[in-house]
Each structure stands twice: as C-alpha cells, then as structure tokens.
Amino acid sequence: MTATVIGAGLAGCEAAWQLAQSGFEVLLCEMKPQKYSPAHSYPGMAELVCSNSLKAMRVESAAGLLKEEMRRLGSLILFCAEQTSVAAGGALAVDRTAFSDLVTAKIRSHPRIRVSEGEVTALPSQGVVIVATGPLTSEALSQAIAEKAGNRCLSFFDAAAPIVAAESVDMSKAFFAARYGRGDADYINCPMDREEYERFHEALVSAESVELRAFEKEDFRVYEGCMPVEVLAKRGEDSIRFGPLKPVGLTDPRTGRRPWAVVQLRRENAAGTLYNLVGFQTNLKFPEQKRVFGLIPGLENAEFMRYGVMHRNTFLDSPRVLDPAGRLKTDPRIFFAGQMTGVEGYIESAASGILAGANAARALSGQEPLLLPPDTMIGALARYISDAAVENFQPMGCNMGLLPAPPVRIRDKAQRYGQVAQRALASLEDYLRDRDHLPPPMDVR
C-alpha cells in the first residue's frame, strides 16, 4: 500500500518518515529543483528560509514543550536539527545547509520512500494523500485544493492581529461588554480618554514596520480589504477612532460615560484563554508592537501569545474544512499538514506533519486516528485549527495560552509553565500507551 505526500518541507518530510517507519511505501512529491517558490532557493528538502532558529529548548516554554512532545513521537526533523545544531544559548539553532542536507539524505536513503521531482498540479484521485505544500503553494495546486475544499481555501495577502493571554489583561482598567448591550458581554473593552488616544496614535504612526519582500510588494494591492492598523492610522488623526477604535454603544463603568476611543478584544478560542485585538492587523516589528500596544489601557503588562503578522499566505479555513484528525471533511482519505492548515512556525509545521503521518498510517492499518489530549501542545494546536468556535480563522503558533490553566492558580509564571509542561508530557505518555501507539524507531544510519 502506497501513500502520497505532496511537499518536502518540514511537515512533508515528517509525514513521509512516519509512514515509512510504520511500514508503508511512500511517494514523496517535491517540485524543487525543477521549480521554486518565490521564497525558496536551496534544492534540498526541509529548507529553512527566514531563520535558523527552532526556538527555545526549555521544556517549560511553549516551543520547548512542543519539541519534547515531537521527540516522544519519533521526530525526524528534531533528530536532524540536534545533529546539525550551532551554539545559540538556550535555543535550538542549526546550520541551515547541513540541516537540509541531512534531512534530504535520510529521506532519499529510506528504502520505503520514493522521491518524485516536479510540480504537482492536481490532487491524486485515489489512495491516502497528505498535502504539505506550505504557505506558498503553487497557483495550480492551490486552485485544485480550493475546488476540493469547497472554495474555502484562503489565498491572499494576510495580516493577522496580535493575540494576548486573557489573564494578563488588567481588568481594573478594562471591562466586559458588547455594543449597545447586545450579546453576552462578549468583548473585553480597553477605554481611552482623549490624551491616552492621542499618545497612542502618535506612537502608532511613527512605529517601525517590517520591510516586505519583493514578491509580497507585488501582491500588496490585494490587501486593501484587510488594512494594517498603522496604515489606516496615517490617513488622519481620527481615522482609527471612527474605525476599529470607535466607542459608540459602549459606556465605561468607571466614569459612566462613553470613552473617547475603545480597543476591543475578542475571544480567540473556546476556552477563553486567548483574546485578539479587533481590527489590529499589523505589519509592525514585534518589539514595536509590544511597545505601542502596551500604551493601551489594560494592556500595559499584556503577555503576547502571537504578534501580528503580514505576509502572502495560503491556508485553509481549517475549522470549517478539516476534522480533528486533519482530514478533509469532504474526502477523508486526504490529510493536510504544515502551514497550509493554519499552524505557524517551523516546529509547529513539523509537529503537524508528524501527526498527519501517524494518522495516515493508522488509517491504512484500519485504526482510529490519534486525537491528542488538549493539555498537550500538539493536541492543543490540532484542536485550535479544527475549533468551529474560532471565527475569522488566522494562523497560530505554539503558546502556553492554548493549554488549560492548572487547577490551582500559580502566580509565578515559570513554576506555572513548568507544571503545565509536566502535565502535558504525562498526558501524552498515558494517551499513547492506552492506544498501543509506539513512535516509529529512529534509524540513525
């Protein structure tokens, strides 16, 4: 029985490895070196484009916990990263060329993996398929995916708003309410007086933005419908006060009056642990976001779980398109993995590839899919991208805000995250043991 994996980035290589190590034949399709996306230039697999860092190693960090879960699931990417690592303090960084070469060598030398070079323009009509073609999927395949997914594949110049941890919002300054009292006080509202607004506006319009890459500048024209808040702010002092910061229909309970301006935060996940800044799509540099958005009353000490980003992106409306196992609802033989699903980041993409490969192998074996517990980082990410409660779906990277809080409040963040991490690893081990799921052995040839 042969499974097809499309795309030899981090997610595709992990998926192919999981399938092959589980005993299945794999056809891995990769368009390089015949054709390259605008962001890629190296012919090897698992090419790292914008950074050589795979983030923190500490298990009590979100990225460290995710990597430890990946290790326990038999990650090829993590094995190769550790073999090609370079000094980077507490982070896992790699020699990008050596890393890609090692992943490529491991994949090409595997007796059950056959590599096919050249662009794939249509989805295979038969057999188990994993699509892991990334955020710059070619136009022809993007169209084929969109048609298969009921045209719910999003491909546009993407700008996402920052997301903060709910518990880090200062509710002595903010308040819950919906405009005109409609709904169930769904939003957190951060009110500003005139002086606070003018200070914020000045900081926003003078903040430093990220320079777009050449191919992204070409696509900027399609972005008018989802404008960065800093661009809108430059159109006039009151442009955002009559836009995303409009105070109409709201009363500040501290003053009994309508504020001069209001920043609203909307629940991002069903658990209510994450909130996004409504209308704050942005291309500001990350330190600038922390500085400028920290001027908003109630967000002075906010913990940013994801900063706003702006780039050309292709991803599915996964909560409406994919089931919790990562399968296409309209055709369950087709799995998706990597940034196409709405996970964001190198290790997140690789982790989703592990899960897709494991579940494809289980499907071929007639077993139920792995739906990892919500208190594990991989399980939490999988649930986020399939959570129907998530509106205006945007990509998400690993963060501790995705995980349930400990039953007893721990004020010290390091201790709290340490307890959450240990709980996650114990939960993962129990879950895998209960389902007799052993990670495929790591062949160190």
Protein backbone atom coordinates (compact mmCIF):
# COMPACT_ATOMS: atom_id res chain seq x y z
CA MET A 1 0.00 0.00 0.00
CA THR A 2 1.49 3.36 -1.06
CA ALA A 3 0.67 6.75 0.39
CA THR A 4 1.40 10.02 -1.41
CA VAL A 5 2.91 13.02 0.36
CA ILE A 6 2.99 16.31 -1.56
CA GLY A 7 5.68 18.72 -0.43
CA ALA A 8 9.12 18.03 1.08
CA GLY A 9 9.26 20.83 3.58
CA LEU A 10 9.45 20.13 7.29
CA ALA A 11 5.86 18.86 7.53
CA GLY A 12 6.06 16.70 4.42
CA CYS A 13 9.33 15.09 5.47
CA GLU A 14 7.95 14.30 8.93
CA ALA A 15 4.79 12.83 7.42
CA ALA A 16 6.71 10.68 4.92
CA TRP A 17 9.07 9.48 7.67
CA GLN A 18 6.22 8.47 9.99
CA LEU A 19 4.54 6.49 7.22
CA ALA A 20 7.72 4.80 6.04
CA GLN A 21 8.91 3.91 9.54
CA SER A 22 5.45 2.42 10.16
CA GLY A 23 6.00 0.03 7.26
CA PHE A 24 4.23 1.77 4.36
CA GLU A 25 5.54 2.69 0.93
CA VAL A 26 5.62 6.45 0.33
CA LEU A 27 5.72 8.56 -2.81
CA LEU A 28 7.09 11.97 -1.78
CA CYS A 29 6.43 14.63 -4.41
CA GLU A 30 8.55 17.82 -4.42
CA MET A 31 8.65 20.44 -7.18
CA LYS A 32 12.24 21.53 -6.41
CA PRO A 33 14.66 21.73 -8.13
CA GLN A 34 12.52 21.96 -11.29
CA LYS A 35 10.54 24.85 -9.81
CA TYR A 36 10.95 27.09 -6.76
CA SER A 37 8.52 29.21 -4.77
CA PRO A 38 9.38 32.95 -4.52
CA ALA A 39 10.90 32.40 -1.06
CA HIS A 40 12.99 29.28 -1.70
CA SER A 41 16.37 28.89 -3.35
CA TYR A 42 18.14 25.79 -1.95
CA PRO A 43 17.50 22.46 -3.72
CA GLY A 44 17.47 20.42 -0.50
CA MET A 45 14.41 19.34 1.49
CA ALA A 46 13.22 20.99 4.71
CA GLU A 47 14.70 24.33 3.66
CA LEU A 48 14.67 26.95 6.41
CA VAL A 49 14.03 30.31 4.77
CA CYS A 50 13.88 33.19 7.25
CA SER A 51 15.68 31.90 10.35
CA ASN A 52 17.92 29.11 11.52
CA SER A 53 16.33 29.03 14.98
CA LEU A 54 13.84 26.41 16.09
CA LYS A 55 13.18 28.41 19.28
CA ALA A 56 13.70 27.67 22.95
CA MET A 57 14.78 24.33 24.36
CA ARG A 58 13.42 24.75 27.92
CA VAL A 59 10.59 22.28 28.36
CA GLU A 60 8.70 24.85 30.46
CA SER A 61 8.47 27.07 27.37
CA ALA A 62 5.86 26.51 24.66
CA ALA A 63 8.47 25.77 21.99
CA GLY A 64 10.49 23.52 24.31
CA LEU A 65 7.42 21.55 25.30
CA LEU A 66 6.40 21.13 21.67
CA LYS A 67 9.84 19.80 20.76
CA GLU A 68 9.82 17.34 23.66
CA GLU A 69 6.43 16.04 22.51
CA MET A 70 7.81 15.72 18.98
CA ARG A 71 10.80 13.78 20.27
CA ARG A 72 8.49 11.32 22.02
CA LEU A 73 6.61 10.83 18.76
CA GLY A 74 9.76 9.96 16.79
CA SER A 75 10.52 13.26 15.04
CA LEU A 76 12.96 13.14 12.12
CA ILE A 77 13.27 16.94 11.99
CA LEU A 78 14.24 17.22 15.64
CA PHE A 79 16.80 14.43 15.28
CA CYS A 80 18.41 16.15 12.28
CA ALA A 81 18.31 19.56 13.99
CA GLU A 82 20.16 18.26 17.01
CA GLN A 83 22.77 16.64 14.75
CA THR A 84 23.42 19.93 12.92
CA SER A 85 22.95 22.40 15.77
CA VAL A 86 25.04 25.52 16.33
CA ALA A 87 25.57 27.48 19.54
CA ALA A 88 22.53 29.68 20.29
CA GLY A 89 22.23 29.98 24.05
CA GLY A 90 19.01 28.36 25.21
CA ALA A 91 17.60 27.96 21.70
CA LEU A 92 17.95 25.16 19.15
CA ALA A 93 19.57 26.70 16.07
CA VAL A 94 21.02 24.83 13.13
CA ASP A 95 23.43 25.15 10.24
CA ARG A 96 20.71 25.55 7.61
CA THR A 97 22.62 23.90 4.76
CA ALA A 98 23.81 20.98 6.87
CA PHE A 99 20.32 20.54 8.30
CA SER A 100 18.65 20.43 4.89
CA ASP A 101 21.32 18.09 3.54
CA LEU A 102 20.89 15.67 6.44
CA VAL A 103 17.09 15.59 6.17
CA THR A 104 17.40 15.07 2.41
CA ALA A 105 19.89 12.24 2.88
CA LYS A 106 17.70 10.49 5.46
CA ILE A 107 14.63 10.73 3.22
CA ARG A 108 16.37 9.68 0.00
CA SER A 109 18.13 6.72 1.62
CA HIS A 110 14.98 5.29 3.18
CA PRO A 111 14.09 2.04 1.40
CA ARG A 112 10.33 2.73 1.56
CA ILE A 113 10.40 6.35 0.32
CA ARG A 114 10.49 7.19 -3.39
CA VAL A 115 11.01 10.85 -4.33
CA SER A 116 9.31 12.30 -7.39
CA GLU A 117 10.59 15.70 -8.58
CA GLY A 118 8.34 18.12 -10.43
CA GLU A 119 5.27 20.26 -9.78
CA VAL A 120 2.04 18.57 -8.74
CA THR A 121 -0.92 20.41 -10.24
CA ALA A 122 -3.81 18.14 -9.19
CA LEU A 123 -4.72 16.07 -6.16
CA PRO A 124 -4.44 12.30 -6.66
CA SER A 125 -7.86 10.76 -7.20
CA GLN A 126 -7.08 7.58 -5.26
CA GLY A 127 -5.21 6.42 -2.19
CA VAL A 128 -4.19 8.15 1.03
CA VAL A 129 -2.74 11.59 0.38
CA ILE A 130 -1.04 14.13 2.66
CA VAL A 131 -0.83 17.70 1.35
CA ALA A 132 2.03 19.61 2.98
CA THR A 133 2.86 22.27 0.42
CA GLY A 134 3.16 25.25 2.73
CA PRO A 135 2.05 28.89 2.64
CA LEU A 136 3.41 29.48 -0.87
CA THR A 137 1.64 26.59 -2.61
CA SER A 138 1.78 26.91 -6.39
CA GLU A 139 -1.15 28.53 -8.14
CA ALA A 140 -2.30 25.40 -9.98
CA LEU A 141 -2.33 23.20 -6.87
CA SER A 142 -3.91 25.97 -4.79
CA GLN A 143 -6.78 26.06 -7.25
CA ALA A 144 -7.17 22.28 -7.14
CA ILE A 145 -7.24 22.35 -3.32
CA ALA A 146 -9.73 25.21 -3.29
CA GLU A 147 -12.07 23.30 -5.57
CA LYS A 148 -11.75 20.14 -3.48
CA ALA A 149 -12.31 22.05 -0.22
CA GLY A 150 -15.41 23.82 -1.48
CA ASN A 151 -13.54 27.04 -2.26
CA ARG A 152 -12.78 27.58 1.41
CA CYS A 153 -9.05 27.73 0.76
CA LEU A 154 -7.79 31.22 1.52
CA SER A 155 -5.01 32.67 -0.57
CA PHE A 156 -4.33 36.35 -0.09
CA PHE A 157 -2.07 38.94 1.43
CA ASP A 158 -2.60 38.01 5.03
CA ALA A 159 -2.45 40.30 8.04
CA ALA A 160 -3.25 38.95 11.48
CA ALA A 161 -3.90 40.83 14.70
CA PRO A 162 -1.92 40.21 17.91
CA ILE A 163 -3.27 37.75 20.48
CA VAL A 164 -2.81 38.18 24.23
CA ALA A 165 -3.34 35.91 27.22
CA ALA A 166 -6.66 36.73 28.85
CA GLU A 167 -5.20 36.50 32.35
CA SER A 168 -2.63 39.20 31.53
CA VAL A 169 -5.23 41.90 30.79
CA ASP A 170 -5.63 44.41 33.63
CA MET A 171 -9.38 44.24 34.27
CA SER A 172 -9.20 47.13 36.73
CA LYS A 173 -8.93 49.30 33.60
CA ALA A 174 -10.79 47.15 31.07
CA PHE A 175 -14.36 45.84 31.16
CA PHE A 176 -16.55 43.21 29.52
CA ALA A 177 -19.37 44.50 27.33
CA ALA A 178 -20.95 44.29 23.88
CA ARG A 179 -22.03 47.37 21.96
CA TYR A 180 -25.45 48.64 22.98
CA GLY A 181 -25.69 45.73 25.41
CA ARG A 182 -26.21 43.24 22.58
CA GLY A 183 -24.90 39.74 23.15
CA ASP A 184 -23.45 38.42 26.39
CA ALA A 185 -20.71 40.96 27.11
CA ASP A 186 -18.58 39.11 24.60
CA TYR A 187 -15.73 41.61 24.31
CA ILE A 188 -13.04 42.93 26.62
CA ASN A 189 -13.02 46.70 26.16
CA CYS A 190 -9.99 48.89 26.84
CA PRO A 191 -11.22 52.52 27.06
CA MET A 192 -9.09 55.57 26.28
CA ASP A 193 -9.57 59.22 27.14
CA ARG A 194 -8.50 61.85 24.62
CA GLU A 195 -4.98 62.24 25.97
CA GLU A 196 -4.39 58.47 26.04
CA TYR A 197 -5.70 58.15 22.49
CA GLU A 198 -3.53 60.94 21.08
CA ARG A 199 -0.43 59.46 22.75
CA PHE A 200 -1.26 56.05 21.31
CA HIS A 201 -1.98 57.42 17.83
CA GLU A 202 1.31 59.28 17.69
CA ALA A 203 3.25 56.19 18.74
CA LEU A 204 1.39 54.04 16.20
CA VAL A 205 2.00 56.23 13.15
CA SER A 206 5.70 56.67 13.98
CA ALA A 207 6.42 52.97 14.76
CA GLU A 208 8.75 50.91 12.58
CA SER A 209 7.28 48.34 10.18
CA VAL A 210 8.71 45.14 8.69
CA GLU A 211 10.07 45.52 5.15
CA LEU A 212 8.08 43.43 2.70
CA ARG A 213 9.87 41.03 0.39
CA ALA A 214 9.82 41.78 -3.34
CA PHE A 215 7.16 39.22 -4.27
CA GLU A 216 4.99 40.40 -1.38
CA LYS A 217 5.15 44.03 -2.53
CA GLU A 218 3.79 42.87 -5.88
CA ASP A 219 0.76 41.39 -4.10
CA PHE A 220 0.12 44.31 -1.75
CA ARG A 221 -2.64 45.67 -3.98
CA VAL A 222 -4.95 42.80 -2.91
CA TYR A 223 -4.63 43.76 0.71
CA GLU A 224 -6.83 46.89 0.86
CA GLY A 225 -9.71 44.95 2.41
CA CYS A 226 -7.63 43.97 5.45
CA MET A 227 -5.54 47.06 6.07
CA PRO A 228 -2.81 47.26 8.74
CA VAL A 229 -3.95 49.44 11.62
CA GLU A 230 -0.83 51.61 11.32
CA VAL A 231 -1.60 52.33 7.65
CA LEU A 232 -5.18 53.28 8.48
CA ALA A 233 -3.95 55.50 11.34
CA LYS A 234 -1.77 57.50 8.93
CA ARG A 235 -4.88 58.57 7.00
CA GLY A 236 -5.84 61.02 9.72
CA GLU A 237 -5.86 61.51 13.47
CA ASP A 238 -9.43 60.26 13.82
CA SER A 239 -9.30 57.52 11.16
CA ILE A 240 -8.99 54.64 13.64
CA ARG A 241 -11.25 56.35 16.21
CA PHE A 242 -14.03 56.15 13.64
CA GLY A 243 -12.87 52.68 12.62
CA PRO A 244 -11.72 49.81 14.86
CA LEU A 245 -11.49 52.05 17.94
CA LYS A 246 -14.96 53.58 17.65
CA PRO A 247 -16.52 53.96 21.12
CA VAL A 248 -20.20 54.10 20.09
CA GLY A 249 -22.59 51.89 22.03
CA LEU A 250 -20.21 51.48 24.97
CA THR A 251 -20.13 53.03 28.44
CA ASP A 252 -17.09 52.96 30.69
CA PRO A 253 -18.39 51.70 34.07
CA ARG A 254 -15.70 53.69 35.87
CA THR A 255 -16.93 57.05 34.51
CA GLY A 256 -20.49 56.33 33.40
CA ARG A 257 -19.68 57.99 30.06
CA ARG A 258 -18.74 56.98 26.57
CA PRO A 259 -14.94 56.79 26.19
CA TRP A 260 -13.05 58.86 23.62
CA ALA A 261 -11.90 55.62 21.97
CA VAL A 262 -12.06 51.89 22.76
CA VAL A 263 -9.85 48.96 21.79
CA GLN A 264 -11.90 45.77 21.78
CA LEU A 265 -10.54 42.26 22.40
CA ARG A 266 -12.46 39.28 21.05
CA ARG A 267 -12.27 35.72 22.36
CA GLU A 268 -9.95 33.67 20.18
CA ASN A 269 -10.62 30.15 21.47
CA ALA A 270 -13.47 28.26 23.11
CA ALA A 271 -11.65 28.11 26.47
CA GLY A 272 -11.45 31.90 26.63
CA THR A 273 -7.75 31.90 27.46
CA LEU A 274 -6.78 33.91 24.36
CA TYR A 275 -8.09 37.24 23.03
CA ASN A 276 -7.20 39.06 19.81
CA LEU A 277 -7.12 42.82 19.30
CA VAL A 278 -10.04 43.50 16.97
CA GLY A 279 -9.04 45.40 13.83
CA PHE A 280 -5.36 45.43 14.77
CA GLN A 281 -3.93 43.61 11.76
CA THR A 282 -0.39 44.94 11.63
CA ASN A 283 3.00 44.80 9.98
CA LEU A 284 4.89 46.48 12.83
CA LYS A 285 8.07 44.85 14.08
CA PHE A 286 7.49 42.67 17.14
CA PRO A 287 9.28 44.94 19.67
CA GLU A 288 7.31 47.89 18.30
CA GLN A 289 4.03 46.02 18.79
CA LYS A 290 4.87 45.34 22.41
CA ARG A 291 5.86 48.99 22.97
CA VAL A 292 2.98 50.65 21.12
CA PHE A 293 0.15 48.29 22.07
CA GLY A 294 1.40 48.41 25.65
CA LEU A 295 0.16 52.03 25.70
CA ILE A 296 -3.43 50.76 25.52
CA PRO A 297 -5.04 50.95 28.99
CA GLY A 298 -5.27 47.44 30.41
CA LEU A 299 -2.55 46.04 28.13
CA GLU A 300 0.47 47.60 29.83
CA ASN A 301 1.63 44.19 31.02
CA ALA A 302 -0.14 42.05 28.44
CA GLU A 303 1.51 38.77 27.52
CA PHE A 304 1.54 38.49 23.72
CA MET A 305 0.94 34.90 22.68
CA ARG A 306 1.19 35.82 19.00
CA TYR A 307 2.29 39.10 17.48
CA GLY A 308 0.56 40.47 14.43
CA VAL A 309 1.99 39.41 11.09
CA MET A 310 1.55 40.40 7.47
CA HIS A 311 2.66 38.29 4.53
CA ARG A 312 1.46 36.47 1.47
CA ASN A 313 -0.07 33.26 2.73
CA THR A 314 -2.14 30.30 1.61
CA PHE A 315 -4.06 28.35 4.20
CA LEU A 316 -7.32 26.53 4.66
CA ASP A 317 -10.28 27.74 6.66
CA SER A 318 -9.44 24.67 8.70
CA PRO A 319 -12.23 24.84 11.34
CA ARG A 320 -14.76 24.53 8.53
CA VAL A 321 -12.75 22.24 6.21
CA LEU A 322 -10.76 19.77 8.35
CA ASP A 323 -11.82 17.28 11.00
CA PRO A 324 -9.84 17.00 14.28
CA ALA A 325 -7.58 14.33 12.72
CA GLY A 326 -6.51 16.71 9.94
CA ARG A 327 -8.61 15.02 7.25
CA LEU A 328 -10.61 16.83 4.62
CA LYS A 329 -14.25 16.56 5.65
CA THR A 330 -15.40 16.13 2.05
CA ASP A 331 -12.79 13.43 1.31
CA PRO A 332 -11.28 11.79 4.44
CA ARG A 333 -8.53 9.98 2.50
CA ILE A 334 -6.84 13.38 2.08
CA PHE A 335 -4.89 14.77 5.06
CA PHE A 336 -3.33 18.21 5.37
CA ALA A 337 -0.20 19.15 7.29
CA GLY A 338 2.04 22.13 7.90
CA GLN A 339 1.31 25.81 7.46
CA MET A 340 -1.42 25.01 4.94
CA THR A 341 -3.53 24.02 7.97
CA GLY A 342 -3.01 27.27 9.86
CA VAL A 343 -0.20 26.33 12.23
CA GLU A 344 2.54 28.92 12.10
CA GLY A 345 6.24 28.31 12.58
CA TYR A 346 8.86 25.74 11.67
CA ILE A 347 8.44 23.38 14.59
CA GLU A 348 4.66 23.74 14.57
CA SER A 349 4.64 22.77 10.90
CA ALA A 350 6.87 19.78 11.57
CA ALA A 351 4.71 18.68 14.51
CA SER A 352 1.57 18.75 12.36
CA GLY A 353 3.43 16.60 9.81
CA ILE A 354 4.18 14.02 12.48
CA LEU A 355 0.51 13.86 13.44
CA ALA A 356 -0.68 13.68 9.83
CA GLY A 357 1.80 10.91 9.03
CA ALA A 358 0.89 8.93 12.13
CA ASN A 359 -2.82 9.26 11.42
CA ALA A 360 -2.39 8.34 7.76
CA ALA A 361 -0.51 5.21 8.86
CA ARG A 362 -3.25 4.37 11.33
CA ALA A 363 -5.89 4.87 8.63
CA LEU A 364 -4.04 2.45 6.36
CA SER A 365 -3.90 -0.03 9.26
CA GLY A 366 -7.63 0.31 10.00
CA GLN A 367 -7.01 2.06 13.34
CA GLU A 368 -8.73 5.07 14.85
CA PRO A 369 -6.82 8.36 14.47
CA LEU A 370 -4.77 9.94 17.23
CA LEU A 371 -6.62 12.90 18.75
CA LEU A 372 -4.02 14.00 21.27
CA PRO A 373 -5.25 15.40 24.60
CA PRO A 374 -5.98 19.15 24.75
CA ASP A 375 -3.45 19.60 27.56
CA THR A 376 -0.60 18.62 25.19
CA MET A 377 0.86 21.28 22.91
CA ILE A 378 0.41 19.26 19.72
CA GLY A 379 -3.12 18.33 20.76
CA ALA A 380 -3.95 21.96 21.59
CA LEU A 381 -2.70 23.18 18.22
CA ALA A 382 -4.67 20.47 16.42
CA ARG A 383 -7.79 21.46 18.29
CA TYR A 384 -7.29 25.15 17.60
CA ILE A 385 -7.18 24.67 13.84
CA SER A 386 -10.31 22.49 13.94
CA ASP A 387 -12.25 24.51 16.54
CA ALA A 388 -15.53 25.66 14.99
CA ALA A 389 -15.78 28.35 17.69
CA VAL A 390 -12.80 30.18 16.16
CA GLU A 391 -14.15 32.93 13.91
CA ASN A 392 -12.10 34.80 11.31
CA PHE A 393 -9.56 31.99 11.46
CA GLN A 394 -5.90 33.03 11.37
CA PRO A 395 -2.69 31.00 11.72
CA MET A 396 -1.39 30.23 15.22
CA GLY A 397 1.94 29.17 16.64
CA CYS A 398 2.57 27.24 19.85
CA ASN A 399 1.97 29.18 23.06
CA MET A 400 1.07 28.35 26.63
CA GLY A 401 -2.22 30.21 26.31
CA LEU A 402 -3.54 27.32 24.23
CA LEU A 403 -3.30 24.95 27.20
CA PRO A 404 -5.71 24.70 30.14
CA ALA A 405 -4.53 26.51 33.26
CA PRO A 406 -3.51 24.44 36.31
CA PRO A 407 -6.44 23.69 38.66
CA VAL A 408 -4.80 25.80 41.35
CA ARG A 409 -3.59 29.27 40.40
CA ILE A 410 0.23 29.59 40.49
CA ARG A 411 1.38 33.21 40.43
CA ASP A 412 4.98 32.51 39.43
CA LYS A 413 4.92 32.11 35.64
CA ALA A 414 7.98 29.84 35.44
CA GLN A 415 6.53 27.48 38.04
CA ARG A 416 3.10 27.58 36.39
CA TYR A 417 4.51 26.76 32.95
CA GLY A 418 6.70 24.03 34.43
CA GLN A 419 3.67 22.35 35.97
CA VAL A 420 1.69 22.69 32.73
CA ALA A 421 4.58 21.14 30.77
CA GLN A 422 4.95 18.15 33.10
CA ARG A 423 1.20 17.58 32.97
CA ALA A 424 1.34 17.67 29.15
CA LEU A 425 4.12 15.10 28.89
CA ALA A 426 2.44 12.75 31.37
CA SER A 427 -0.84 13.12 29.50
CA LEU A 428 0.86 12.36 26.16
CA GLU A 429 2.54 9.22 27.52
CA ASP A 430 -0.72 7.95 29.05
CA TYR A 431 -2.63 8.59 25.84
CA LEU A 432 -0.11 6.82 23.59
CA ARG A 433 0.18 3.88 25.97
CA ASP A 434 -3.59 3.45 26.15
CA ARG A 435 -3.70 3.20 22.35
CA ASP A 436 -0.63 1.00 21.99
CA HIS A 437 0.93 3.67 19.80
CA LEU A 438 4.70 3.41 19.88
CA PRO A 439 6.67 6.07 17.98
CA PRO A 440 8.47 4.64 14.95
CA PRO A 441 12.11 3.80 15.74
CA MET A 442 14.69 6.42 14.80
CA ASP A 443 17.08 4.87 12.32
CA VAL A 444 20.39 6.65 12.89
CA ARG A 445 22.14 5.40 9.76
